[in-house]
Amino acid sequence: MYKVFVNEKKLTLSKYPEDIQKNLRFEGFATLEIAVDLLENTSCPEMNVYGENIDEIWEDFTHMFKVIEAAGGLVKNKKDELLFIRRMGKWDLPKGKIEKDESLEQAALREVEEETGLKELILEEFLNNTFHIYTERNGEKILKTTYWFKMTYVGNEKPIPQKEEGISEVTWKNEEMINKEVLPMTFQNIKLVLNDYWNTN
C-alpha cells in the first residue's frame, strides 16, 4: 500500500477498497489522473485507487510526475525530545534533496546538519518514506519521495536555524509539546513519520 498526499489530502494506492467515501478501481492510467484531479480540484477529502497489481499501479503513477528524492531525520536528544524546524509558520522535520553520488544516509545526515547546525549526530535505522505531490511555478507536477531515518544527537550545542532556507526556528519538543503545538500545525506526512516512530519505540 502507498499513501501519497495531494494538497494535504490522502491518496491511497492499495489492493482492496478502503472504508472511505471514495474508491476507484484501477483501470489504467486514466484512473490515476481522475483520482489526482478530484483531490486537487474538488472538495473530495481522500481517495483510494485499488487493484490486484499494486506494483503496476505504482509504476504507472510515478510516470505521471517528475520524481524528486529527498532524505531527512527524526532526531532524538538525551532527554528523549525530538527536533523540529519551523518554516513558513508550519512545524516540519529537517530534510532536503539528495545530491548526485550521495547515499540516502549521507543526504539525511547532511541535511539535518545544514538545517539545524547540529553536528554530533548518530544515524540509526531507516524509519519510513513518505510521498507528496506539488506543482512547480512552471506548472510541472512533482512527486517527492522523502526517506526518513532515526538519529540521535549526543552533543550539547544549541541548534541554529538555516535562515537562507526559510527556517525561522529549530527547537526540541517533548511528547506533550508535540501533541499540543506541533500536530495542529504540521503536514500529514510528518504525522505519518511521528506515528511510525512512536509505534516502533
N, C-alpha and C. Protein backbone atom coordinates (compact mmCIF):
# COMPACT_ATOMS: atom_id res chain seq x y z
N MET A 1 0.85 -1.20 0.00
CA MET A 1 0.00 0.00 0.00
C MET A 1 0.88 1.25 0.00
N TYR A 2 0.47 2.24 -0.77
CA TYR A 2 1.17 3.53 -0.80
C TYR A 2 0.21 4.63 -0.37
N LYS A 3 0.74 5.58 0.42
CA LYS A 3 -0.05 6.76 0.80
C LYS A 3 0.67 7.98 0.25
N VAL A 4 -0.05 8.72 -0.58
CA VAL A 4 0.53 9.91 -1.20
C VAL A 4 -0.35 11.10 -0.84
N PHE A 5 0.26 12.22 -0.46
CA PHE A 5 -0.55 13.38 -0.13
C PHE A 5 -0.57 14.37 -1.29
N VAL A 6 -1.79 14.75 -1.65
CA VAL A 6 -2.06 15.70 -2.72
C VAL A 6 -2.77 16.88 -2.06
N ASN A 7 -2.10 18.03 -1.96
CA ASN A 7 -2.69 19.17 -1.22
C ASN A 7 -3.14 18.77 0.19
N GLU A 8 -2.34 17.96 0.84
CA GLU A 8 -2.63 17.51 2.22
C GLU A 8 -3.83 16.57 2.29
N LYS A 9 -4.30 16.08 1.14
CA LYS A 9 -5.38 15.08 1.14
C LYS A 9 -4.75 13.74 0.77
N LYS A 10 -5.25 12.68 1.38
CA LYS A 10 -4.59 11.38 1.22
C LYS A 10 -5.12 10.60 0.02
N LEU A 11 -4.18 10.18 -0.83
CA LEU A 11 -4.49 9.25 -1.92
C LEU A 11 -3.82 7.93 -1.55
N THR A 12 -4.62 6.88 -1.40
CA THR A 12 -4.08 5.55 -1.08
C THR A 12 -4.11 4.70 -2.34
N LEU A 13 -3.03 3.99 -2.60
CA LEU A 13 -2.98 3.02 -3.68
C LEU A 13 -2.87 1.65 -3.02
N SER A 14 -3.87 0.81 -3.21
CA SER A 14 -3.92 -0.45 -2.44
C SER A 14 -4.54 -1.57 -3.25
N LYS A 15 -4.55 -2.76 -2.67
CA LYS A 15 -5.11 -3.93 -3.37
C LYS A 15 -6.62 -4.01 -3.26
N TYR A 16 -7.18 -3.42 -2.21
CA TYR A 16 -8.62 -3.60 -1.95
C TYR A 16 -9.30 -2.27 -1.68
N PRO A 17 -10.63 -2.21 -1.85
CA PRO A 17 -11.36 -0.99 -1.47
C PRO A 17 -11.16 -0.69 0.02
N GLU A 18 -11.09 0.58 0.36
CA GLU A 18 -10.94 1.02 1.74
C GLU A 18 -12.28 1.49 2.27
N ASP A 19 -12.37 1.56 3.58
CA ASP A 19 -13.61 2.03 4.20
C ASP A 19 -13.63 3.55 4.23
N ILE A 20 -13.66 4.15 3.04
CA ILE A 20 -13.72 5.60 2.93
C ILE A 20 -14.77 5.96 1.88
N GLN A 21 -15.01 7.25 1.76
CA GLN A 21 -16.07 7.76 0.89
C GLN A 21 -15.85 7.39 -0.58
N LYS A 22 -14.61 7.48 -1.06
CA LYS A 22 -14.38 7.38 -2.50
C LYS A 22 -13.33 6.33 -2.83
N ASN A 23 -13.76 5.24 -3.52
CA ASN A 23 -12.85 4.21 -4.01
C ASN A 23 -12.96 4.14 -5.53
N LEU A 24 -11.83 4.02 -6.20
CA LEU A 24 -11.83 3.83 -7.66
C LEU A 24 -11.07 2.56 -7.99
N ARG A 25 -11.68 1.72 -8.80
CA ARG A 25 -10.97 0.51 -9.24
C ARG A 25 -9.97 0.91 -10.33
N PHE A 26 -8.74 0.43 -10.23
CA PHE A 26 -7.71 0.77 -11.20
C PHE A 26 -8.01 0.15 -12.55
N GLU A 27 -8.17 1.00 -13.56
CA GLU A 27 -8.41 0.50 -14.92
C GLU A 27 -7.46 1.19 -15.89
N GLY A 28 -6.24 1.42 -15.42
CA GLY A 28 -5.25 2.05 -16.28
C GLY A 28 -4.95 3.48 -15.85
N PHE A 29 -4.09 4.07 -16.63
CA PHE A 29 -3.55 5.40 -16.37
C PHE A 29 -4.62 6.44 -16.05
N ALA A 30 -5.73 6.40 -16.80
CA ALA A 30 -6.78 7.42 -16.65
C ALA A 30 -7.35 7.43 -15.24
N THR A 31 -7.44 6.27 -14.60
CA THR A 31 -7.97 6.19 -13.23
C THR A 31 -7.15 7.07 -12.29
N LEU A 32 -5.83 7.01 -12.46
CA LEU A 32 -4.93 7.77 -11.59
C LEU A 32 -5.06 9.27 -11.87
N GLU A 33 -5.19 9.62 -13.14
CA GLU A 33 -5.37 11.03 -13.50
C GLU A 33 -6.65 11.59 -12.88
N ILE A 34 -7.71 10.79 -12.93
CA ILE A 34 -9.00 11.21 -12.35
C ILE A 34 -8.85 11.40 -10.84
N ALA A 35 -8.20 10.44 -10.19
CA ALA A 35 -8.03 10.50 -8.73
C ALA A 35 -7.29 11.76 -8.31
N VAL A 36 -6.16 12.06 -8.98
CA VAL A 36 -5.37 13.25 -8.63
C VAL A 36 -6.18 14.51 -8.91
N ASP A 37 -6.88 14.53 -10.04
CA ASP A 37 -7.70 15.70 -10.41
C ASP A 37 -8.78 15.97 -9.36
N LEU A 38 -9.46 14.92 -8.91
CA LEU A 38 -10.51 15.09 -7.90
C LEU A 38 -9.95 15.65 -6.59
N LEU A 39 -8.78 15.17 -6.19
CA LEU A 39 -8.18 15.65 -4.94
C LEU A 39 -7.69 17.09 -5.09
N GLU A 40 -7.19 17.43 -6.26
CA GLU A 40 -6.66 18.79 -6.47
C GLU A 40 -7.76 19.83 -6.65
N ASN A 41 -8.85 19.43 -7.29
CA ASN A 41 -9.82 20.43 -7.76
C ASN A 41 -11.24 20.31 -7.19
N THR A 42 -11.48 19.38 -6.29
CA THR A 42 -12.81 19.29 -5.68
C THR A 42 -12.66 19.21 -4.16
N SER A 43 -13.78 19.13 -3.47
CA SER A 43 -13.72 19.07 -2.00
C SER A 43 -13.56 17.62 -1.51
N CYS A 44 -13.35 16.68 -2.42
CA CYS A 44 -13.15 15.27 -2.05
C CYS A 44 -12.00 15.18 -1.03
N PRO A 45 -12.25 14.64 0.18
CA PRO A 45 -11.23 14.69 1.24
C PRO A 45 -10.14 13.64 1.12
N GLU A 46 -10.48 12.45 0.60
CA GLU A 46 -9.47 11.40 0.41
C GLU A 46 -9.97 10.39 -0.62
N MET A 47 -9.06 9.59 -1.11
CA MET A 47 -9.38 8.73 -2.24
C MET A 47 -8.53 7.47 -2.17
N ASN A 48 -9.12 6.35 -2.61
CA ASN A 48 -8.37 5.10 -2.68
C ASN A 48 -8.50 4.53 -4.10
N VAL A 49 -7.37 4.26 -4.72
CA VAL A 49 -7.37 3.55 -6.01
C VAL A 49 -6.87 2.14 -5.71
N TYR A 50 -7.65 1.14 -6.12
CA TYR A 50 -7.28 -0.23 -5.77
C TYR A 50 -7.23 -1.14 -7.00
N GLY A 51 -6.40 -2.15 -6.90
CA GLY A 51 -6.27 -3.13 -7.97
C GLY A 51 -5.32 -4.22 -7.53
N GLU A 52 -5.37 -5.35 -8.23
CA GLU A 52 -4.58 -6.53 -7.85
C GLU A 52 -3.08 -6.25 -7.84
N ASN A 53 -2.59 -5.63 -8.91
CA ASN A 53 -1.14 -5.49 -9.07
C ASN A 53 -0.67 -4.11 -8.60
N ILE A 54 -0.36 -4.02 -7.34
CA ILE A 54 0.00 -2.74 -6.73
C ILE A 54 1.29 -2.17 -7.34
N ASP A 55 2.22 -3.05 -7.73
CA ASP A 55 3.48 -2.57 -8.34
C ASP A 55 3.22 -1.89 -9.68
N GLU A 56 2.31 -2.47 -10.45
CA GLU A 56 1.95 -1.89 -11.75
C GLU A 56 1.28 -0.52 -11.55
N ILE A 57 0.39 -0.45 -10.57
CA ILE A 57 -0.31 0.81 -10.28
C ILE A 57 0.72 1.88 -9.89
N TRP A 58 1.65 1.50 -9.02
CA TRP A 58 2.65 2.47 -8.55
C TRP A 58 3.55 2.92 -9.70
N GLU A 59 3.93 1.99 -10.57
CA GLU A 59 4.79 2.35 -11.70
C GLU A 59 4.08 3.34 -12.62
N ASP A 60 2.81 3.05 -12.94
CA ASP A 60 2.03 3.98 -13.76
C ASP A 60 1.92 5.35 -13.09
N PHE A 61 1.71 5.33 -11.78
CA PHE A 61 1.54 6.56 -11.02
C PHE A 61 2.82 7.42 -11.10
N THR A 62 3.97 6.80 -10.89
CA THR A 62 5.22 7.58 -10.89
C THR A 62 5.52 8.18 -12.26
N HIS A 63 5.00 7.55 -13.32
CA HIS A 63 5.24 8.07 -14.68
C HIS A 63 4.46 9.35 -14.96
N MET A 64 3.54 9.69 -14.08
CA MET A 64 2.76 10.93 -14.26
C MET A 64 3.53 12.17 -13.80
N PHE A 65 4.65 11.96 -13.12
CA PHE A 65 5.33 13.07 -12.45
C PHE A 65 6.83 13.05 -12.71
N LYS A 66 7.45 14.19 -12.45
CA LYS A 66 8.91 14.21 -12.29
C LYS A 66 9.15 13.80 -10.84
N VAL A 67 9.99 12.79 -10.63
CA VAL A 67 10.21 12.28 -9.27
C VAL A 67 11.47 12.93 -8.68
N ILE A 68 11.32 13.50 -7.48
CA ILE A 68 12.45 14.08 -6.76
C ILE A 68 12.61 13.30 -5.46
N GLU A 69 13.84 12.96 -5.13
CA GLU A 69 14.09 12.20 -3.90
C GLU A 69 14.78 13.09 -2.87
N ALA A 70 14.32 12.95 -1.63
CA ALA A 70 14.89 13.72 -0.52
C ALA A 70 15.12 12.77 0.65
N ALA A 71 15.88 13.25 1.62
CA ALA A 71 16.13 12.46 2.83
C ALA A 71 16.18 13.38 4.03
N GLY A 72 15.78 12.85 5.18
CA GLY A 72 15.77 13.66 6.39
C GLY A 72 15.82 12.81 7.63
N GLY A 73 15.76 13.49 8.77
CA GLY A 73 15.93 12.77 10.02
C GLY A 73 14.95 13.16 11.10
N LEU A 74 14.59 12.17 11.90
CA LEU A 74 13.85 12.40 13.14
C LEU A 74 14.89 12.23 14.25
N VAL A 75 15.26 13.35 14.84
CA VAL A 75 16.42 13.37 15.76
C VAL A 75 15.95 13.43 17.20
N LYS A 76 16.52 12.54 18.02
CA LYS A 76 16.19 12.47 19.45
C LYS A 76 17.41 12.92 20.24
N ASN A 77 17.20 13.64 21.36
CA ASN A 77 18.34 14.00 22.21
C ASN A 77 18.37 13.14 23.48
N LYS A 78 19.28 13.49 24.40
CA LYS A 78 19.45 12.67 25.61
C LYS A 78 18.22 12.68 26.49
N LYS A 79 17.38 13.72 26.34
CA LYS A 79 16.16 13.82 27.17
C LYS A 79 14.95 13.20 26.48
N ASP A 80 15.19 12.48 25.36
CA ASP A 80 14.10 11.88 24.58
C ASP A 80 13.20 12.92 23.90
N GLU A 81 13.71 14.14 23.73
CA GLU A 81 12.95 15.16 22.98
C GLU A 81 13.26 15.01 21.49
N LEU A 82 12.36 15.46 20.64
CA LEU A 82 12.55 15.38 19.20
C LEU A 82 12.78 16.77 18.62
N LEU A 83 13.55 16.81 17.54
CA LEU A 83 13.98 18.08 16.95
C LEU A 83 13.04 18.49 15.80
N PHE A 84 12.54 19.72 15.85
CA PHE A 84 11.65 20.23 14.80
C PHE A 84 12.19 21.55 14.27
N ILE A 85 11.90 21.79 12.99
CA ILE A 85 12.18 23.10 12.40
C ILE A 85 10.84 23.78 12.11
N ARG A 86 10.87 25.10 12.08
CA ARG A 86 9.67 25.86 11.73
C ARG A 86 9.95 26.65 10.45
N ARG A 87 9.08 26.42 9.47
CA ARG A 87 9.26 27.08 8.17
C ARG A 87 7.89 27.55 7.70
N MET A 88 7.78 28.81 7.33
CA MET A 88 6.52 29.38 6.84
C MET A 88 5.33 29.05 7.76
N GLY A 89 5.58 29.18 9.07
CA GLY A 89 4.50 29.00 10.03
C GLY A 89 4.13 27.56 10.35
N LYS A 90 4.80 26.61 9.72
CA LYS A 90 4.49 25.18 9.95
C LYS A 90 5.67 24.49 10.62
N TRP A 91 5.37 23.53 11.49
CA TRP A 91 6.42 22.69 12.06
C TRP A 91 6.74 21.57 11.07
N ASP A 92 8.01 21.27 10.94
CA ASP A 92 8.47 20.28 9.97
C ASP A 92 9.68 19.56 10.56
N LEU A 93 10.17 18.57 9.83
CA LEU A 93 11.40 17.88 10.20
C LEU A 93 12.48 18.24 9.18
N PRO A 94 13.75 18.30 9.61
CA PRO A 94 14.82 18.66 8.67
C PRO A 94 14.98 17.60 7.58
N LYS A 95 15.04 18.08 6.34
CA LYS A 95 15.17 17.19 5.18
C LYS A 95 15.58 18.01 3.97
N GLY A 96 15.99 17.34 2.90
CA GLY A 96 16.31 18.05 1.67
C GLY A 96 16.66 17.09 0.56
N LYS A 97 16.87 17.64 -0.62
CA LYS A 97 17.11 16.82 -1.81
C LYS A 97 18.43 16.06 -1.72
N ILE A 98 18.40 14.85 -2.26
CA ILE A 98 19.61 14.02 -2.32
C ILE A 98 20.47 14.52 -3.48
N GLU A 99 21.75 14.72 -3.22
CA GLU A 99 22.65 15.20 -4.27
C GLU A 99 23.24 14.02 -5.05
N LYS A 100 23.78 14.34 -6.22
CA LYS A 100 24.38 13.32 -7.09
C LYS A 100 25.48 12.57 -6.33
N ASP A 101 25.50 11.25 -6.50
CA ASP A 101 26.51 10.37 -5.88
C ASP A 101 26.44 10.33 -4.36
N GLU A 102 25.31 10.72 -3.79
CA GLU A 102 25.16 10.71 -2.33
C GLU A 102 24.22 9.56 -1.94
N SER A 103 24.56 8.84 -0.87
CA SER A 103 23.64 7.79 -0.40
C SER A 103 22.50 8.45 0.37
N LEU A 104 21.43 7.70 0.60
CA LEU A 104 20.29 8.20 1.37
C LEU A 104 20.76 8.65 2.76
N GLU A 105 21.61 7.81 3.36
CA GLU A 105 22.09 8.09 4.72
C GLU A 105 22.93 9.37 4.77
N GLN A 106 23.83 9.51 3.78
CA GLN A 106 24.68 10.72 3.74
C GLN A 106 23.82 11.97 3.56
N ALA A 107 22.82 11.87 2.67
CA ALA A 107 21.95 13.02 2.41
C ALA A 107 21.17 13.41 3.67
N ALA A 108 20.65 12.40 4.37
CA ALA A 108 19.86 12.66 5.58
C ALA A 108 20.71 13.38 6.63
N LEU A 109 21.91 12.88 6.86
CA LEU A 109 22.81 13.50 7.85
C LEU A 109 23.20 14.92 7.43
N ARG A 110 23.55 15.08 6.17
CA ARG A 110 23.98 16.40 5.69
C ARG A 110 22.85 17.42 5.83
N GLU A 111 21.65 17.04 5.44
CA GLU A 111 20.52 17.97 5.50
C GLU A 111 20.18 18.36 6.94
N VAL A 112 20.21 17.38 7.85
CA VAL A 112 19.92 17.70 9.26
C VAL A 112 20.99 18.67 9.79
N GLU A 113 22.26 18.40 9.48
CA GLU A 113 23.34 19.29 9.91
C GLU A 113 23.15 20.71 9.36
N GLU A 114 22.86 20.80 8.04
CA GLU A 114 22.74 22.11 7.41
C GLU A 114 21.55 22.90 7.96
N GLU A 115 20.42 22.23 8.14
CA GLU A 115 19.20 22.96 8.52
C GLU A 115 19.13 23.29 10.01
N THR A 116 19.91 22.57 10.82
CA THR A 116 19.81 22.77 12.28
C THR A 116 21.13 23.19 12.93
N GLY A 117 22.24 23.11 12.18
CA GLY A 117 23.54 23.48 12.73
C GLY A 117 24.12 22.46 13.70
N LEU A 118 23.47 21.31 13.86
CA LEU A 118 23.95 20.30 14.82
C LEU A 118 24.86 19.30 14.12
N LYS A 119 25.99 18.98 14.77
CA LYS A 119 26.99 18.12 14.14
C LYS A 119 27.08 16.72 14.74
N GLU A 120 26.96 16.61 16.05
CA GLU A 120 27.24 15.30 16.69
C GLU A 120 26.01 14.40 16.62
N LEU A 121 25.77 13.92 15.39
CA LEU A 121 24.58 13.10 15.13
C LEU A 121 24.99 11.65 14.89
N ILE A 122 24.20 10.74 15.43
CA ILE A 122 24.42 9.31 15.17
C ILE A 122 23.23 8.81 14.35
N LEU A 123 23.54 8.29 13.17
CA LEU A 123 22.49 7.76 12.30
C LEU A 123 22.09 6.37 12.77
N GLU A 124 20.81 6.18 12.95
CA GLU A 124 20.32 4.86 13.35
C GLU A 124 19.60 4.22 12.17
N GLU A 125 18.48 3.54 12.43
CA GLU A 125 17.88 2.79 11.33
C GLU A 125 16.92 3.65 10.49
N PHE A 126 16.65 3.11 9.29
CA PHE A 126 15.66 3.70 8.39
C PHE A 126 14.29 3.62 9.05
N LEU A 127 13.51 4.68 8.97
CA LEU A 127 12.19 4.70 9.62
C LEU A 127 11.07 4.44 8.62
N ASN A 128 10.93 5.28 7.62
CA ASN A 128 9.92 5.07 6.57
C ASN A 128 10.18 6.04 5.42
N ASN A 129 9.36 5.94 4.38
CA ASN A 129 9.41 7.00 3.38
C ASN A 129 8.00 7.54 3.15
N THR A 130 7.95 8.83 2.78
CA THR A 130 6.67 9.49 2.57
C THR A 130 6.64 10.07 1.16
N PHE A 131 5.43 10.31 0.67
CA PHE A 131 5.25 10.79 -0.70
C PHE A 131 4.29 11.97 -0.71
N HIS A 132 4.62 13.01 -1.44
CA HIS A 132 3.62 14.04 -1.69
C HIS A 132 3.83 14.68 -3.05
N ILE A 133 2.74 15.26 -3.53
CA ILE A 133 2.73 15.84 -4.87
C ILE A 133 2.60 17.35 -4.74
N TYR A 134 3.35 18.07 -5.55
CA TYR A 134 3.15 19.52 -5.62
C TYR A 134 3.42 19.98 -7.05
N THR A 135 3.04 21.20 -7.34
CA THR A 135 3.21 21.75 -8.69
C THR A 135 4.22 22.89 -8.64
N GLU A 136 5.22 22.82 -9.52
CA GLU A 136 6.22 23.89 -9.62
C GLU A 136 5.59 25.13 -10.24
N ARG A 137 6.26 26.26 -10.11
CA ARG A 137 5.75 27.51 -10.70
C ARG A 137 5.54 27.40 -12.21
N ASN A 138 6.37 26.56 -12.85
CA ASN A 138 6.24 26.40 -14.30
C ASN A 138 5.14 25.41 -14.70
N GLY A 139 4.39 24.92 -13.68
CA GLY A 139 3.28 24.00 -13.96
C GLY A 139 3.65 22.53 -13.93
N GLU A 140 4.96 22.23 -13.79
CA GLU A 140 5.39 20.83 -13.77
C GLU A 140 4.98 20.17 -12.45
N LYS A 141 4.41 18.96 -12.57
CA LYS A 141 3.98 18.24 -11.38
C LYS A 141 5.12 17.37 -10.84
N ILE A 142 5.35 17.48 -9.54
CA ILE A 142 6.45 16.77 -8.89
C ILE A 142 5.90 15.75 -7.89
N LEU A 143 6.47 14.55 -7.92
CA LEU A 143 6.22 13.56 -6.87
C LEU A 143 7.49 13.50 -6.03
N LYS A 144 7.37 13.93 -4.78
CA LYS A 144 8.55 13.96 -3.91
C LYS A 144 8.51 12.77 -2.95
N THR A 145 9.57 11.99 -3.00
CA THR A 145 9.74 10.86 -2.08
C THR A 145 10.77 11.26 -1.05
N THR A 146 10.42 11.18 0.23
CA THR A 146 11.38 11.51 1.29
C THR A 146 11.65 10.28 2.13
N TYR A 147 12.93 9.95 2.29
CA TYR A 147 13.37 8.81 3.10
C TYR A 147 13.77 9.33 4.48
N TRP A 148 13.15 8.77 5.51
CA TRP A 148 13.37 9.27 6.87
C TRP A 148 14.19 8.28 7.69
N PHE A 149 15.12 8.82 8.47
CA PHE A 149 15.97 7.99 9.33
C PHE A 149 15.87 8.46 10.78
N LYS A 150 15.94 7.50 11.68
CA LYS A 150 16.06 7.85 13.11
C LYS A 150 17.50 8.26 13.37
N MET A 151 17.67 9.32 14.17
CA MET A 151 19.01 9.78 14.54
C MET A 151 19.01 10.14 16.03
N THR A 152 20.20 10.10 16.60
CA THR A 152 20.37 10.54 17.99
C THR A 152 21.40 11.66 18.02
N TYR A 153 21.10 12.71 18.78
CA TYR A 153 22.06 13.80 18.95
C TYR A 153 22.73 13.65 20.31
N VAL A 154 24.09 13.60 20.29
CA VAL A 154 24.82 13.33 21.53
C VAL A 154 25.61 14.54 22.02
N GLY A 155 25.50 15.66 21.32
CA GLY A 155 26.26 16.85 21.72
C GLY A 155 25.48 17.77 22.65
N ASN A 156 26.00 18.98 22.83
CA ASN A 156 25.36 19.97 23.71
C ASN A 156 25.19 21.33 23.05
N GLU A 157 25.36 21.38 21.71
CA GLU A 157 25.24 22.67 21.03
C GLU A 157 23.76 23.11 20.98
N LYS A 158 23.59 24.40 20.83
CA LYS A 158 22.23 24.93 20.64
C LYS A 158 21.95 24.91 19.13
N PRO A 159 20.80 24.38 18.71
CA PRO A 159 20.53 24.35 17.27
C PRO A 159 20.39 25.75 16.68
N ILE A 160 20.82 25.90 15.41
CA ILE A 160 20.76 27.21 14.73
C ILE A 160 19.97 27.02 13.43
N PRO A 161 18.89 27.78 13.24
CA PRO A 161 18.10 27.61 12.01
C PRO A 161 18.86 28.11 10.77
N GLN A 162 18.71 27.37 9.67
CA GLN A 162 19.31 27.78 8.39
C GLN A 162 18.37 28.81 7.74
N LYS A 163 18.63 30.07 8.05
CA LYS A 163 17.72 31.15 7.64
C LYS A 163 17.53 31.25 6.12
N GLU A 164 18.63 30.98 5.38
CA GLU A 164 18.53 31.12 3.91
C GLU A 164 17.59 30.07 3.30
N GLU A 165 17.26 29.02 4.08
CA GLU A 165 16.28 28.02 3.61
C GLU A 165 14.88 28.34 4.14
N GLY A 166 14.72 29.55 4.69
CA GLY A 166 13.39 29.94 5.17
C GLY A 166 13.02 29.36 6.52
N ILE A 167 14.02 28.82 7.24
CA ILE A 167 13.74 28.21 8.56
C ILE A 167 13.86 29.31 9.62
N SER A 168 12.80 29.51 10.38
CA SER A 168 12.79 30.60 11.36
C SER A 168 13.17 30.12 12.76
N GLU A 169 13.04 28.81 12.99
CA GLU A 169 13.26 28.30 14.36
C GLU A 169 13.65 26.82 14.30
N VAL A 170 14.53 26.40 15.20
CA VAL A 170 14.83 24.98 15.39
C VAL A 170 14.75 24.74 16.89
N THR A 171 13.96 23.75 17.29
CA THR A 171 13.78 23.56 18.73
C THR A 171 13.47 22.10 19.07
N TRP A 172 13.78 21.75 20.31
CA TRP A 172 13.47 20.41 20.82
C TRP A 172 12.07 20.42 21.44
N LYS A 173 11.33 19.34 21.24
CA LYS A 173 9.96 19.24 21.80
C LYS A 173 9.78 17.89 22.47
N ASN A 174 9.16 17.91 23.66
CA ASN A 174 8.80 16.64 24.29
C ASN A 174 7.43 16.20 23.75
N GLU A 175 6.98 15.02 24.16
CA GLU A 175 5.74 14.45 23.58
C GLU A 175 4.52 15.34 23.82
N GLU A 176 4.46 15.93 25.01
CA GLU A 176 3.32 16.80 25.33
C GLU A 176 3.31 18.02 24.40
N MET A 177 4.48 18.62 24.21
CA MET A 177 4.58 19.78 23.31
C MET A 177 4.27 19.40 21.87
N ILE A 178 4.69 18.20 21.47
CA ILE A 178 4.40 17.74 20.10
C ILE A 178 2.89 17.64 19.90
N ASN A 179 2.22 17.02 20.86
CA ASN A 179 0.76 16.86 20.75
C ASN A 179 0.04 18.21 20.74
N LYS A 180 0.52 19.12 21.57
CA LYS A 180 -0.18 20.40 21.75
C LYS A 180 0.18 21.43 20.67
N GLU A 181 1.48 21.49 20.31
CA GLU A 181 1.95 22.56 19.43
C GLU A 181 2.23 22.11 18.00
N VAL A 182 2.86 20.93 17.86
CA VAL A 182 3.31 20.51 16.53
C VAL A 182 2.18 19.92 15.69
N LEU A 183 1.46 18.94 16.24
CA LEU A 183 0.46 18.23 15.44
C LEU A 183 -0.61 19.12 14.83
N PRO A 184 -1.11 20.17 15.54
CA PRO A 184 -2.09 21.04 14.88
C PRO A 184 -1.50 21.91 13.77
N MET A 185 -0.17 22.01 13.72
CA MET A 185 0.48 22.95 12.79
C MET A 185 1.58 22.27 11.97
N THR A 186 1.28 21.07 11.48
CA THR A 186 2.27 20.37 10.67
C THR A 186 1.59 19.71 9.48
N PHE A 187 2.38 18.97 8.70
CA PHE A 187 1.88 18.33 7.49
C PHE A 187 1.47 16.89 7.78
N GLN A 188 0.58 16.36 6.92
CA GLN A 188 0.11 14.97 7.10
C GLN A 188 1.28 13.98 7.05
N ASN A 189 2.25 14.24 6.16
CA ASN A 189 3.42 13.35 6.06
C ASN A 189 4.19 13.28 7.37
N ILE A 190 4.32 14.43 8.04
CA ILE A 190 5.07 14.47 9.30
C ILE A 190 4.32 13.69 10.39
N LYS A 191 2.99 13.77 10.36
CA LYS A 191 2.19 12.96 11.30
C LYS A 191 2.44 11.46 11.07
N LEU A 192 2.56 11.06 9.80
CA LEU A 192 2.85 9.65 9.48
C LEU A 192 4.21 9.24 10.05
N VAL A 193 5.20 10.11 9.88
CA VAL A 193 6.56 9.81 10.37
C VAL A 193 6.53 9.66 11.89
N LEU A 194 5.85 10.59 12.57
CA LEU A 194 5.77 10.53 14.03
C LEU A 194 5.03 9.29 14.51
N ASN A 195 3.95 8.94 13.83
CA ASN A 195 3.20 7.72 14.19
C ASN A 195 4.07 6.48 14.07
N ASP A 196 4.78 6.38 12.95
CA ASP A 196 5.64 5.22 12.76
C ASP A 196 6.74 5.18 13.82
N TYR A 197 7.26 6.34 14.16
CA TYR A 197 8.30 6.43 15.18
C TYR A 197 7.77 5.95 16.53
N TRP A 198 6.62 6.48 16.93
CA TRP A 198 6.06 6.10 18.22
C TRP A 198 5.63 4.64 18.26
N ASN A 199 5.21 4.10 17.13
CA ASN A 199 4.80 2.69 17.08
C ASN A 199 5.99 1.72 17.13
N THR A 200 7.18 2.22 16.79
CA THR A 200 8.35 1.32 16.80
C THR A 200 9.22 1.55 18.02
N ASN A 201 8.90 2.54 18.83
CA ASN A 201 9.73 2.83 20.03
C ASN A 201 9.10 2.24 21.28
